[in-house]
mmCIF file of all heavy atoms, coordinates in Angstrom:
data_MODEL
# 
_entry.id   MODEL 
# 
loop_
_atom_site.group_PDB 
_atom_site.id 
_atom_site.type_symbol 
_atom_site.label_atom_id 
_atom_site.label_alt_id 
_atom_site.label_comp_id 
_atom_site.label_asym_id 
_atom_site.label_entity_id 
_atom_site.label_seq_id 
_atom_site.pdbx_PDB_ins_code 
_atom_site.Cartn_x 
_atom_site.Cartn_y 
_atom_site.Cartn_z 
_atom_site.occupancy 
_atom_site.B_iso_or_equiv 
_atom_site.pdbx_formal_charge 
_atom_site.auth_seq_id 
_atom_site.auth_comp_id 
_atom_site.auth_asym_id 
_atom_site.auth_atom_id 
_atom_site.pdbx_PDB_model_num 
ATOM 1   N N   . ARG A 1 1  ? -35.943 -39.596 17.343 1.00 0.00 ? 1  ARG A N   1 
ATOM 2   C CA  . ARG A 1 1  ? -36.900 -40.523 16.743 1.00 0.00 ? 1  ARG A CA  1 
ATOM 3   C C   . ARG A 1 1  ? -38.260 -40.491 17.461 1.00 0.00 ? 1  ARG A C   1 
ATOM 4   O O   . ARG A 1 1  ? -39.295 -40.662 16.819 1.00 0.00 ? 1  ARG A O   1 
ATOM 5   C CB  . ARG A 1 1  ? -36.379 -41.969 16.802 1.00 0.00 ? 1  ARG A CB  1 
ATOM 6   C CG  . ARG A 1 1  ? -35.057 -42.155 16.068 1.00 0.00 ? 1  ARG A CG  1 
ATOM 7   C CD  . ARG A 1 1  ? -34.675 -43.625 15.978 1.00 0.00 ? 1  ARG A CD  1 
ATOM 8   N NE  . ARG A 1 1  ? -34.459 -44.237 17.286 1.00 0.00 ? 1  ARG A NE  1 
ATOM 9   C CZ  . ARG A 1 1  ? -35.107 -45.303 17.738 1.00 0.00 ? 1  ARG A CZ  1 
ATOM 10  N NH1 . ARG A 1 1  ? -36.066 -45.886 16.989 1.00 0.00 ? 1  ARG A NH1 1 
ATOM 11  N NH2 . ARG A 1 1  ? -34.857 -45.804 18.940 1.00 0.00 ? 1  ARG A NH2 1 
ATOM 12  N N   . PHE A 1 2  ? -38.253 -40.283 18.744 1.00 0.00 ? 2  PHE A N   1 
ATOM 13  C CA  . PHE A 1 2  ? -39.481 -40.281 19.551 1.00 0.00 ? 2  PHE A CA  1 
ATOM 14  C C   . PHE A 1 2  ? -39.805 -38.852 19.981 1.00 0.00 ? 2  PHE A C   1 
ATOM 15  O O   . PHE A 1 2  ? -38.910 -38.069 20.266 1.00 0.00 ? 2  PHE A O   1 
ATOM 16  C CB  . PHE A 1 2  ? -39.330 -41.156 20.785 1.00 0.00 ? 2  PHE A CB  1 
ATOM 17  C CG  . PHE A 1 2  ? -39.262 -42.631 20.542 1.00 0.00 ? 2  PHE A CG  1 
ATOM 18  C CD1 . PHE A 1 2  ? -39.060 -43.161 19.275 1.00 0.00 ? 2  PHE A CD1 1 
ATOM 19  C CD2 . PHE A 1 2  ? -39.343 -43.514 21.604 1.00 0.00 ? 2  PHE A CD2 1 
ATOM 20  C CE1 . PHE A 1 2  ? -38.982 -44.525 19.048 1.00 0.00 ? 2  PHE A CE1 1 
ATOM 21  C CE2 . PHE A 1 2  ? -39.246 -44.889 21.409 1.00 0.00 ? 2  PHE A CE2 1 
ATOM 22  C CZ  . PHE A 1 2  ? -39.066 -45.388 20.122 1.00 0.00 ? 2  PHE A CZ  1 
ATOM 23  N N   . THR A 1 3  ? -41.105 -38.561 20.079 1.00 0.00 ? 3  THR A N   1 
ATOM 24  C CA  . THR A 1 3  ? -41.548 -37.280 20.556 1.00 0.00 ? 3  THR A CA  1 
ATOM 25  C C   . THR A 1 3  ? -42.685 -37.459 21.540 1.00 0.00 ? 3  THR A C   1 
ATOM 26  O O   . THR A 1 3  ? -43.675 -38.126 21.246 1.00 0.00 ? 3  THR A O   1 
ATOM 27  C CB  . THR A 1 3  ? -42.049 -36.383 19.402 1.00 0.00 ? 3  THR A CB  1 
ATOM 28  O OG1 . THR A 1 3  ? -40.987 -36.221 18.442 1.00 0.00 ? 3  THR A OG1 1 
ATOM 29  C CG2 . THR A 1 3  ? -42.452 -35.000 19.923 1.00 0.00 ? 3  THR A CG2 1 
ATOM 30  N N   . ILE A 1 4  ? -42.512 -36.883 22.721 1.00 0.00 ? 4  ILE A N   1 
ATOM 31  C CA  . ILE A 1 4  ? -43.569 -36.954 23.743 1.00 0.00 ? 4  ILE A CA  1 
ATOM 32  C C   . ILE A 1 4  ? -44.368 -35.648 23.721 1.00 0.00 ? 4  ILE A C   1 
ATOM 33  O O   . ILE A 1 4  ? -43.802 -34.569 23.505 1.00 0.00 ? 4  ILE A O   1 
ATOM 34  C CB  . ILE A 1 4  ? -42.959 -37.237 25.135 1.00 0.00 ? 4  ILE A CB  1 
ATOM 35  C CG1 . ILE A 1 4  ? -44.044 -37.604 26.139 1.00 0.00 ? 4  ILE A CG1 1 
ATOM 36  C CG2 . ILE A 1 4  ? -42.112 -36.067 25.625 1.00 0.00 ? 4  ILE A CG2 1 
ATOM 37  C CD1 . ILE A 1 4  ? -43.496 -38.133 27.468 1.00 0.00 ? 4  ILE A CD1 1 
ATOM 38  N N   . SER A 1 5  ? -45.655 -35.766 23.969 1.00 0.00 ? 5  SER A N   1 
ATOM 39  C CA  . SER A 1 5  ? -46.500 -34.566 24.032 1.00 0.00 ? 5  SER A CA  1 
ATOM 40  C C   . SER A 1 5  ? -47.685 -34.869 24.944 1.00 0.00 ? 5  SER A C   1 
ATOM 41  O O   . SER A 1 5  ? -47.925 -36.018 25.314 1.00 0.00 ? 5  SER A O   1 
ATOM 42  C CB  . SER A 1 5  ? -46.986 -34.174 22.637 1.00 0.00 ? 5  SER A CB  1 
ATOM 43  O OG  . SER A 1 5  ? -47.794 -35.203 22.083 1.00 0.00 ? 5  SER A OG  1 
ATOM 44  N N   . ARG A 1 6  ? -48.382 -33.805 25.319 1.00 0.00 ? 6  ARG A N   1 
ATOM 45  C CA  . ARG A 1 6  ? -49.539 -34.011 26.186 1.00 0.00 ? 6  ARG A CA  1 
ATOM 46  C C   . ARG A 1 6  ? -50.641 -33.068 25.798 1.00 0.00 ? 6  ARG A C   1 
ATOM 47  O O   . ARG A 1 6  ? -50.399 -31.956 25.325 1.00 0.00 ? 6  ARG A O   1 
ATOM 48  C CB  . ARG A 1 6  ? -49.154 -33.846 27.659 1.00 0.00 ? 6  ARG A CB  1 
ATOM 49  C CG  . ARG A 1 6  ? -48.721 -32.460 28.086 1.00 0.00 ? 6  ARG A CG  1 
ATOM 50  C CD  . ARG A 1 6  ? -48.138 -32.502 29.504 1.00 0.00 ? 6  ARG A CD  1 
ATOM 51  N NE  . ARG A 1 6  ? -49.116 -32.991 30.468 1.00 0.00 ? 6  ARG A NE  1 
ATOM 52  C CZ  . ARG A 1 6  ? -48.785 -33.556 31.622 1.00 0.00 ? 6  ARG A CZ  1 
ATOM 53  N NH1 . ARG A 1 6  ? -47.510 -33.703 31.949 1.00 0.00 ? 6  ARG A NH1 1 
ATOM 54  N NH2 . ARG A 1 6  ? -49.729 -33.976 32.446 1.00 0.00 ? 6  ARG A NH2 1 
ATOM 55  N N   . ASP A 1 7  ? -51.879 -33.530 26.031 1.00 0.00 ? 7  ASP A N   1 
ATOM 56  C CA  . ASP A 1 7  ? -53.053 -32.714 25.836 1.00 0.00 ? 7  ASP A CA  1 
ATOM 57  C C   . ASP A 1 7  ? -53.834 -32.806 27.131 1.00 0.00 ? 7  ASP A C   1 
ATOM 58  O O   . ASP A 1 7  ? -54.595 -33.740 27.348 1.00 0.00 ? 7  ASP A O   1 
ATOM 59  C CB  . ASP A 1 7  ? -53.876 -33.238 24.652 1.00 0.00 ? 7  ASP A CB  1 
ATOM 60  C CG  . ASP A 1 7  ? -55.052 -32.371 24.300 1.00 0.00 ? 7  ASP A CG  1 
ATOM 61  O OD1 . ASP A 1 7  ? -55.481 -31.571 25.165 1.00 0.00 ? 7  ASP A OD1 1 
ATOM 62  O OD2 . ASP A 1 7  ? -55.560 -32.466 23.184 1.00 0.00 ? 7  ASP A OD2 1 
ATOM 63  N N   . ASN A 1 8  ? -53.628 -31.860 28.006 1.00 0.00 ? 8  ASN A N   1 
ATOM 64  C CA  . ASN A 1 8  ? -54.256 -31.891 29.331 1.00 0.00 ? 8  ASN A CA  1 
ATOM 65  C C   . ASN A 1 8  ? -55.782 -31.796 29.212 1.00 0.00 ? 8  ASN A C   1 
ATOM 66  O O   . ASN A 1 8  ? -56.491 -32.320 30.078 1.00 0.00 ? 8  ASN A O   1 
ATOM 67  C CB  . ASN A 1 8  ? -53.706 -30.805 30.218 1.00 0.00 ? 8  ASN A CB  1 
ATOM 68  C CG  . ASN A 1 8  ? -52.302 -31.130 30.727 1.00 0.00 ? 8  ASN A CG  1 
ATOM 69  O OD1 . ASN A 1 8  ? -51.841 -32.268 30.631 1.00 0.00 ? 8  ASN A OD1 1 
ATOM 70  N ND2 . ASN A 1 8  ? -51.613 -30.129 31.252 1.00 0.00 ? 8  ASN A ND2 1 
ATOM 71  N N   . ALA A 1 9  ? -56.273 -31.151 28.186 1.00 0.00 ? 9  ALA A N   1 
ATOM 72  C CA  . ALA A 1 9  ? -57.720 -31.065 28.007 1.00 0.00 ? 9  ALA A CA  1 
ATOM 73  C C   . ALA A 1 9  ? -58.334 -32.422 27.749 1.00 0.00 ? 9  ALA A C   1 
ATOM 74  O O   . ALA A 1 9  ? -59.475 -32.697 28.112 1.00 0.00 ? 9  ALA A O   1 
ATOM 75  C CB  . ALA A 1 9  ? -58.047 -30.128 26.864 1.00 0.00 ? 9  ALA A CB  1 
ATOM 76  N N   . LYS A 1 10 ? -57.539 -33.316 27.117 1.00 0.00 ? 10 LYS A N   1 
ATOM 77  C CA  . LYS A 1 10 ? -57.999 -34.672 26.854 1.00 0.00 ? 10 LYS A CA  1 
ATOM 78  C C   . LYS A 1 10 ? -57.485 -35.660 27.894 1.00 0.00 ? 10 LYS A C   1 
ATOM 79  O O   . LYS A 1 10 ? -57.733 -36.855 27.806 1.00 0.00 ? 10 LYS A O   1 
ATOM 80  C CB  . LYS A 1 10 ? -57.555 -35.116 25.452 1.00 0.00 ? 10 LYS A CB  1 
ATOM 81  C CG  . LYS A 1 10 ? -58.206 -34.333 24.333 1.00 0.00 ? 10 LYS A CG  1 
ATOM 82  C CD  . LYS A 1 10 ? -57.789 -34.891 22.974 1.00 0.00 ? 10 LYS A CD  1 
ATOM 83  C CE  . LYS A 1 10 ? -58.490 -34.148 21.832 1.00 0.00 ? 10 LYS A CE  1 
ATOM 84  N NZ  . LYS A 1 10 ? -58.108 -34.657 20.505 1.00 0.00 ? 10 LYS A NZ  1 
ATOM 85  N N   . ASN A 1 11 ? -56.724 -35.114 28.877 1.00 0.00 ? 11 ASN A N   1 
ATOM 86  C CA  . ASN A 1 11 ? -56.204 -35.966 29.934 1.00 0.00 ? 11 ASN A CA  1 
ATOM 87  C C   . ASN A 1 11 ? -55.378 -37.122 29.370 1.00 0.00 ? 11 ASN A C   1 
ATOM 88  O O   . ASN A 1 11 ? -55.441 -38.262 29.864 1.00 0.00 ? 11 ASN A O   1 
ATOM 89  C CB  . ASN A 1 11 ? -57.355 -36.519 30.810 1.00 0.00 ? 11 ASN A CB  1 
ATOM 90  C CG  . ASN A 1 11 ? -57.030 -36.474 32.286 1.00 0.00 ? 11 ASN A CG  1 
ATOM 91  O OD1 . ASN A 1 11 ? -56.208 -35.683 32.735 1.00 0.00 ? 11 ASN A OD1 1 
ATOM 92  N ND2 . ASN A 1 11 ? -57.691 -37.334 33.047 1.00 0.00 ? 11 ASN A ND2 1 
ATOM 93  N N   . THR A 1 12 ? -54.576 -36.802 28.359 1.00 0.00 ? 12 THR A N   1 
ATOM 94  C CA  . THR A 1 12 ? -53.857 -37.832 27.618 1.00 0.00 ? 12 THR A CA  1 
ATOM 95  C C   . THR A 1 12 ? -52.439 -37.367 27.294 1.00 0.00 ? 12 THR A C   1 
ATOM 96  O O   . THR A 1 12 ? -52.210 -36.190 27.013 1.00 0.00 ? 12 THR A O   1 
ATOM 97  C CB  . THR A 1 12 ? -54.581 -38.202 26.322 1.00 0.00 ? 12 THR A CB  1 
ATOM 98  O OG1 . THR A 1 12 ? -55.902 -38.641 26.635 1.00 0.00 ? 12 THR A OG1 1 
ATOM 99  C CG2 . THR A 1 12 ? -53.864 -39.311 25.575 1.00 0.00 ? 12 THR A CG2 1 
ATOM 100 N N   . VAL A 1 13 ? -51.506 -38.294 27.349 1.00 0.00 ? 13 VAL A N   1 
ATOM 101 C CA  . VAL A 1 13 ? -50.118 -38.069 26.933 1.00 0.00 ? 13 VAL A CA  1 
ATOM 102 C C   . VAL A 1 13 ? -49.817 -39.021 25.794 1.00 0.00 ? 13 VAL A C   1 
ATOM 103 O O   . VAL A 1 13 ? -50.286 -40.159 25.775 1.00 0.00 ? 13 VAL A O   1 
ATOM 104 C CB  . VAL A 1 13 ? -49.165 -38.260 28.110 1.00 0.00 ? 13 VAL A CB  1 
ATOM 105 C CG1 . VAL A 1 13 ? -47.714 -38.189 27.662 1.00 0.00 ? 13 VAL A CG1 1 
ATOM 106 C CG2 . VAL A 1 13 ? -49.428 -37.247 29.213 1.00 0.00 ? 13 VAL A CG2 1 
ATOM 107 N N   . TYR A 1 14 ? -49.033 -38.547 24.847 1.00 0.00 ? 14 TYR A N   1 
ATOM 108 C CA  . TYR A 1 14 ? -48.718 -39.316 23.657 1.00 0.00 ? 14 TYR A CA  1 
ATOM 109 C C   . TYR A 1 14 ? -47.219 -39.551 23.527 1.00 0.00 ? 14 TYR A C   1 
ATOM 110 O O   . TYR A 1 14 ? -46.405 -38.760 24.012 1.00 0.00 ? 14 TYR A O   1 
ATOM 111 C CB  . TYR A 1 14 ? -49.193 -38.574 22.411 1.00 0.00 ? 14 TYR A CB  1 
ATOM 112 C CG  . TYR A 1 14 ? -50.649 -38.205 22.433 1.00 0.00 ? 14 TYR A CG  1 
ATOM 113 C CD1 . TYR A 1 14 ? -51.055 -36.933 22.816 1.00 0.00 ? 14 TYR A CD1 1 
ATOM 114 C CD2 . TYR A 1 14 ? -51.628 -39.134 22.087 1.00 0.00 ? 14 TYR A CD2 1 
ATOM 115 C CE1 . TYR A 1 14 ? -52.400 -36.586 22.846 1.00 0.00 ? 14 TYR A CE1 1 
ATOM 116 C CE2 . TYR A 1 14 ? -52.970 -38.808 22.113 1.00 0.00 ? 14 TYR A CE2 1 
ATOM 117 C CZ  . TYR A 1 14 ? -53.354 -37.532 22.512 1.00 0.00 ? 14 TYR A CZ  1 
ATOM 118 O OH  . TYR A 1 14 ? -54.676 -37.205 22.546 1.00 0.00 ? 14 TYR A OH  1 
ATOM 119 N N   . LEU A 1 15 ? -46.890 -40.638 22.855 1.00 0.00 ? 15 LEU A N   1 
ATOM 120 C CA  . LEU A 1 15 ? -45.491 -40.897 22.482 1.00 0.00 ? 15 LEU A CA  1 
ATOM 121 C C   . LEU A 1 15 ? -45.495 -41.264 20.997 1.00 0.00 ? 15 LEU A C   1 
ATOM 122 O O   . LEU A 1 15 ? -45.957 -42.350 20.625 1.00 0.00 ? 15 LEU A O   1 
ATOM 123 C CB  . LEU A 1 15 ? -44.892 -42.017 23.321 1.00 0.00 ? 15 LEU A CB  1 
ATOM 124 C CG  . LEU A 1 15 ? -43.413 -42.275 23.050 1.00 0.00 ? 15 LEU A CG  1 
ATOM 125 C CD1 . LEU A 1 15 ? -42.559 -41.090 23.559 1.00 0.00 ? 15 LEU A CD1 1 
ATOM 126 C CD2 . LEU A 1 15 ? -42.942 -43.574 23.729 1.00 0.00 ? 15 LEU A CD2 1 
ATOM 127 N N   . GLN A 1 16 ? -45.026 -40.333 20.185 1.00 0.00 ? 16 GLN A N   1 
ATOM 128 C CA  . GLN A 1 16 ? -44.888 -40.578 18.750 1.00 0.00 ? 16 GLN A CA  1 
ATOM 129 C C   . GLN A 1 16 ? -43.549 -41.253 18.506 1.00 0.00 ? 16 GLN A C   1 
ATOM 130 O O   . GLN A 1 16 ? -42.512 -40.680 18.867 1.00 0.00 ? 16 GLN A O   1 
ATOM 131 C CB  . GLN A 1 16 ? -44.993 -39.283 17.966 1.00 0.00 ? 16 GLN A CB  1 
ATOM 132 C CG  . GLN A 1 16 ? -44.803 -39.438 16.463 1.00 0.00 ? 16 GLN A CG  1 
ATOM 133 C CD  . GLN A 1 16 ? -45.923 -40.231 15.811 1.00 0.00 ? 16 GLN A CD  1 
ATOM 134 O OE1 . GLN A 1 16 ? -47.102 -40.002 16.113 1.00 0.00 ? 16 GLN A OE1 1 
ATOM 135 N NE2 . GLN A 1 16 ? -45.579 -41.132 14.913 1.00 0.00 ? 16 GLN A NE2 1 
ATOM 136 N N   . MET A 1 17 ? -43.575 -42.422 17.918 1.00 0.00 ? 17 MET A N   1 
ATOM 137 C CA  . MET A 1 17 ? -42.358 -43.181 17.707 1.00 0.00 ? 17 MET A CA  1 
ATOM 138 C C   . MET A 1 17 ? -42.135 -43.370 16.208 1.00 0.00 ? 17 MET A C   1 
ATOM 139 O O   . MET A 1 17 ? -42.951 -44.023 15.545 1.00 0.00 ? 17 MET A O   1 
ATOM 140 C CB  . MET A 1 17 ? -42.437 -44.547 18.413 1.00 0.00 ? 17 MET A CB  1 
ATOM 141 C CG  . MET A 1 17 ? -42.789 -44.452 19.876 1.00 0.00 ? 17 MET A CG  1 
ATOM 142 S SD  . MET A 1 17 ? -42.692 -46.032 20.726 1.00 0.00 ? 17 MET A SD  1 
ATOM 143 C CE  . MET A 1 17 ? -43.977 -46.947 19.880 1.00 0.00 ? 17 MET A CE  1 
ATOM 144 N N   . ASN A 1 18 ? -41.067 -42.805 15.704 1.00 0.00 ? 18 ASN A N   1 
ATOM 145 C CA  . ASN A 1 18 ? -40.734 -42.906 14.282 1.00 0.00 ? 18 ASN A CA  1 
ATOM 146 C C   . ASN A 1 18 ? -39.425 -43.662 14.125 1.00 0.00 ? 18 ASN A C   1 
ATOM 147 O O   . ASN A 1 18 ? -38.667 -43.837 15.064 1.00 0.00 ? 18 ASN A O   1 
ATOM 148 C CB  . ASN A 1 18 ? -40.589 -41.507 13.677 1.00 0.00 ? 18 ASN A CB  1 
ATOM 149 C CG  . ASN A 1 18 ? -41.879 -40.715 13.741 1.00 0.00 ? 18 ASN A CG  1 
ATOM 150 O OD1 . ASN A 1 18 ? -42.985 -41.261 13.689 1.00 0.00 ? 18 ASN A OD1 1 
ATOM 151 N ND2 . ASN A 1 18 ? -41.740 -39.399 13.869 1.00 0.00 ? 18 ASN A ND2 1 
ATOM 152 N N   . SER A 1 19 ? -39.166 -44.099 12.888 1.00 0.00 ? 19 SER A N   1 
ATOM 153 C CA  . SER A 1 19 ? -37.919 -44.807 12.566 1.00 0.00 ? 19 SER A CA  1 
ATOM 154 C C   . SER A 1 19 ? -37.678 -45.928 13.564 1.00 0.00 ? 19 SER A C   1 
ATOM 155 O O   . SER A 1 19 ? -36.551 -46.078 14.083 1.00 0.00 ? 19 SER A O   1 
ATOM 156 C CB  . SER A 1 19 ? -36.743 -43.822 12.565 1.00 0.00 ? 19 SER A CB  1 
ATOM 157 O OG  . SER A 1 19 ? -36.971 -42.774 11.650 1.00 0.00 ? 19 SER A OG  1 
ATOM 158 N N   . LEU A 1 20 ? -38.682 -46.719 13.786 1.00 0.00 ? 20 LEU A N   1 
ATOM 159 C CA  . LEU A 1 20 ? -38.575 -47.761 14.788 1.00 0.00 ? 20 LEU A CA  1 
ATOM 160 C C   . LEU A 1 20 ? -37.561 -48.833 14.381 1.00 0.00 ? 20 LEU A C   1 
ATOM 161 O O   . LEU A 1 20 ? -37.406 -49.152 13.200 1.00 0.00 ? 20 LEU A O   1 
ATOM 162 C CB  . LEU A 1 20 ? -39.938 -48.397 15.031 1.00 0.00 ? 20 LEU A CB  1 
ATOM 163 C CG  . LEU A 1 20 ? -40.862 -47.536 15.903 1.00 0.00 ? 20 LEU A CG  1 
ATOM 164 C CD1 . LEU A 1 20 ? -42.312 -47.948 15.740 1.00 0.00 ? 20 LEU A CD1 1 
ATOM 165 C CD2 . LEU A 1 20 ? -40.448 -47.629 17.368 1.00 0.00 ? 20 LEU A CD2 1 
ATOM 166 N N   . LYS A 1 21 ? -36.907 -49.377 15.392 1.00 0.00 ? 21 LYS A N   1 
ATOM 167 C CA  . LYS A 1 21 ? -35.879 -50.389 15.208 1.00 0.00 ? 21 LYS A CA  1 
ATOM 168 C C   . LYS A 1 21 ? -36.272 -51.660 15.971 1.00 0.00 ? 21 LYS A C   1 
ATOM 169 O O   . LYS A 1 21 ? -37.030 -51.588 16.950 1.00 0.00 ? 21 LYS A O   1 
ATOM 170 C CB  . LYS A 1 21 ? -34.557 -49.888 15.752 1.00 0.00 ? 21 LYS A CB  1 
ATOM 171 C CG  . LYS A 1 21 ? -34.078 -48.557 15.179 1.00 0.00 ? 21 LYS A CG  1 
ATOM 172 C CD  . LYS A 1 21 ? -32.799 -48.095 15.874 1.00 0.00 ? 21 LYS A CD  1 
ATOM 173 C CE  . LYS A 1 21 ? -32.335 -46.764 15.311 1.00 0.00 ? 21 LYS A CE  1 
ATOM 174 N NZ  . LYS A 1 21 ? -31.088 -46.285 16.012 1.00 0.00 ? 21 LYS A NZ  1 
ATOM 175 N N   . PRO A 1 22 ? -35.758 -52.792 15.587 1.00 0.00 ? 22 PRO A N   1 
ATOM 176 C CA  . PRO A 1 22 ? -36.062 -54.026 16.329 1.00 0.00 ? 22 PRO A CA  1 
ATOM 177 C C   . PRO A 1 22 ? -35.740 -53.914 17.806 1.00 0.00 ? 22 PRO A C   1 
ATOM 178 O O   . PRO A 1 22 ? -36.454 -54.500 18.639 1.00 0.00 ? 22 PRO A O   1 
ATOM 179 C CB  . PRO A 1 22 ? -35.175 -55.062 15.627 1.00 0.00 ? 22 PRO A CB  1 
ATOM 180 C CG  . PRO A 1 22 ? -35.063 -54.574 14.226 1.00 0.00 ? 22 PRO A CG  1 
ATOM 181 C CD  . PRO A 1 22 ? -34.986 -53.071 14.358 1.00 0.00 ? 22 PRO A CD  1 
ATOM 182 N N   . GLU A 1 23 ? -34.720 -53.165 18.149 1.00 0.00 ? 23 GLU A N   1 
ATOM 183 C CA  . GLU A 1 23 ? -34.367 -53.022 19.559 1.00 0.00 ? 23 GLU A CA  1 
ATOM 184 C C   . GLU A 1 23 ? -35.350 -52.167 20.352 1.00 0.00 ? 23 GLU A C   1 
ATOM 185 O O   . GLU A 1 23 ? -35.220 -52.043 21.571 1.00 0.00 ? 23 GLU A O   1 
ATOM 186 C CB  . GLU A 1 23 ? -32.939 -52.465 19.709 1.00 0.00 ? 23 GLU A CB  1 
ATOM 187 C CG  . GLU A 1 23 ? -32.661 -51.222 18.918 1.00 0.00 ? 23 GLU A CG  1 
ATOM 188 C CD  . GLU A 1 23 ? -31.973 -51.513 17.590 1.00 0.00 ? 23 GLU A CD  1 
ATOM 189 O OE1 . GLU A 1 23 ? -32.403 -52.480 16.893 1.00 0.00 ? 23 GLU A OE1 1 
ATOM 190 O OE2 . GLU A 1 23 ? -31.024 -50.767 17.235 1.00 0.00 ? 23 GLU A OE2 1 
ATOM 191 N N   . ASP A 1 24 ? -36.320 -51.558 19.674 1.00 0.00 ? 24 ASP A N   1 
ATOM 192 C CA  . ASP A 1 24 ? -37.378 -50.833 20.378 1.00 0.00 ? 24 ASP A CA  1 
ATOM 193 C C   . ASP A 1 24 ? -38.474 -51.770 20.851 1.00 0.00 ? 24 ASP A C   1 
ATOM 194 O O   . ASP A 1 24 ? -39.394 -51.349 21.554 1.00 0.00 ? 24 ASP A O   1 
ATOM 195 C CB  . ASP A 1 24 ? -37.989 -49.766 19.471 1.00 0.00 ? 24 ASP A CB  1 
ATOM 196 C CG  . ASP A 1 24 ? -37.019 -48.662 19.118 1.00 0.00 ? 24 ASP A CG  1 
ATOM 197 O OD1 . ASP A 1 24 ? -36.275 -48.205 20.027 1.00 0.00 ? 24 ASP A OD1 1 
ATOM 198 O OD2 . ASP A 1 24 ? -36.986 -48.246 17.955 1.00 0.00 ? 24 ASP A OD2 1 
ATOM 199 N N   . THR A 1 25 ? -38.403 -53.028 20.464 1.00 0.00 ? 25 THR A N   1 
ATOM 200 C CA  . THR A 1 25 ? -39.397 -54.000 20.861 1.00 0.00 ? 25 THR A CA  1 
ATOM 201 C C   . THR A 1 25 ? -39.413 -54.168 22.380 1.00 0.00 ? 25 THR A C   1 
ATOM 202 O O   . THR A 1 25 ? -38.391 -54.424 23.000 1.00 0.00 ? 25 THR A O   1 
ATOM 203 C CB  . THR A 1 25 ? -39.119 -55.368 20.203 1.00 0.00 ? 25 THR A CB  1 
ATOM 204 O OG1 . THR A 1 25 ? -39.263 -55.246 18.789 1.00 0.00 ? 25 THR A OG1 1 
ATOM 205 C CG2 . THR A 1 25 ? -40.074 -56.441 20.724 1.00 0.00 ? 25 THR A CG2 1 
ATOM 206 N N   . ALA A 1 26 ? -40.605 -53.971 22.968 1.00 0.00 ? 26 ALA A N   1 
ATOM 207 C CA  . ALA A 1 26 ? -40.739 -54.021 24.411 1.00 0.00 ? 26 ALA A CA  1 
ATOM 208 C C   . ALA A 1 26 ? -42.206 -53.795 24.787 1.00 0.00 ? 26 ALA A C   1 
ATOM 209 O O   . ALA A 1 26 ? -43.010 -53.405 23.932 1.00 0.00 ? 26 ALA A O   1 
ATOM 210 C CB  . ALA A 1 26 ? -39.892 -52.975 25.093 1.00 0.00 ? 26 ALA A CB  1 
ATOM 211 N N   . VAL A 1 27 ? -42.520 -53.999 26.036 1.00 0.00 ? 27 VAL A N   1 
ATOM 212 C CA  . VAL A 1 27 ? -43.789 -53.515 26.593 1.00 0.00 ? 27 VAL A CA  1 
ATOM 213 C C   . VAL A 1 27 ? -43.550 -52.093 27.054 1.00 0.00 ? 27 VAL A C   1 
ATOM 214 O O   . VAL A 1 27 ? -42.603 -51.834 27.810 1.00 0.00 ? 27 VAL A O   1 
ATOM 215 C CB  . VAL A 1 27 ? -44.274 -54.407 27.735 1.00 0.00 ? 27 VAL A CB  1 
ATOM 216 C CG1 . VAL A 1 27 ? -45.576 -53.837 28.332 1.00 0.00 ? 27 VAL A CG1 1 
ATOM 217 C CG2 . VAL A 1 27 ? -44.495 -55.843 27.260 1.00 0.00 ? 27 VAL A CG2 1 
# 
């Protein structure tokens, strides 16, 4: 459901979260 990726040129890391569920609720 989740995919992590990074773009070092942008100095940024991403977390794509799909099919989210209520139990994913968090900080």
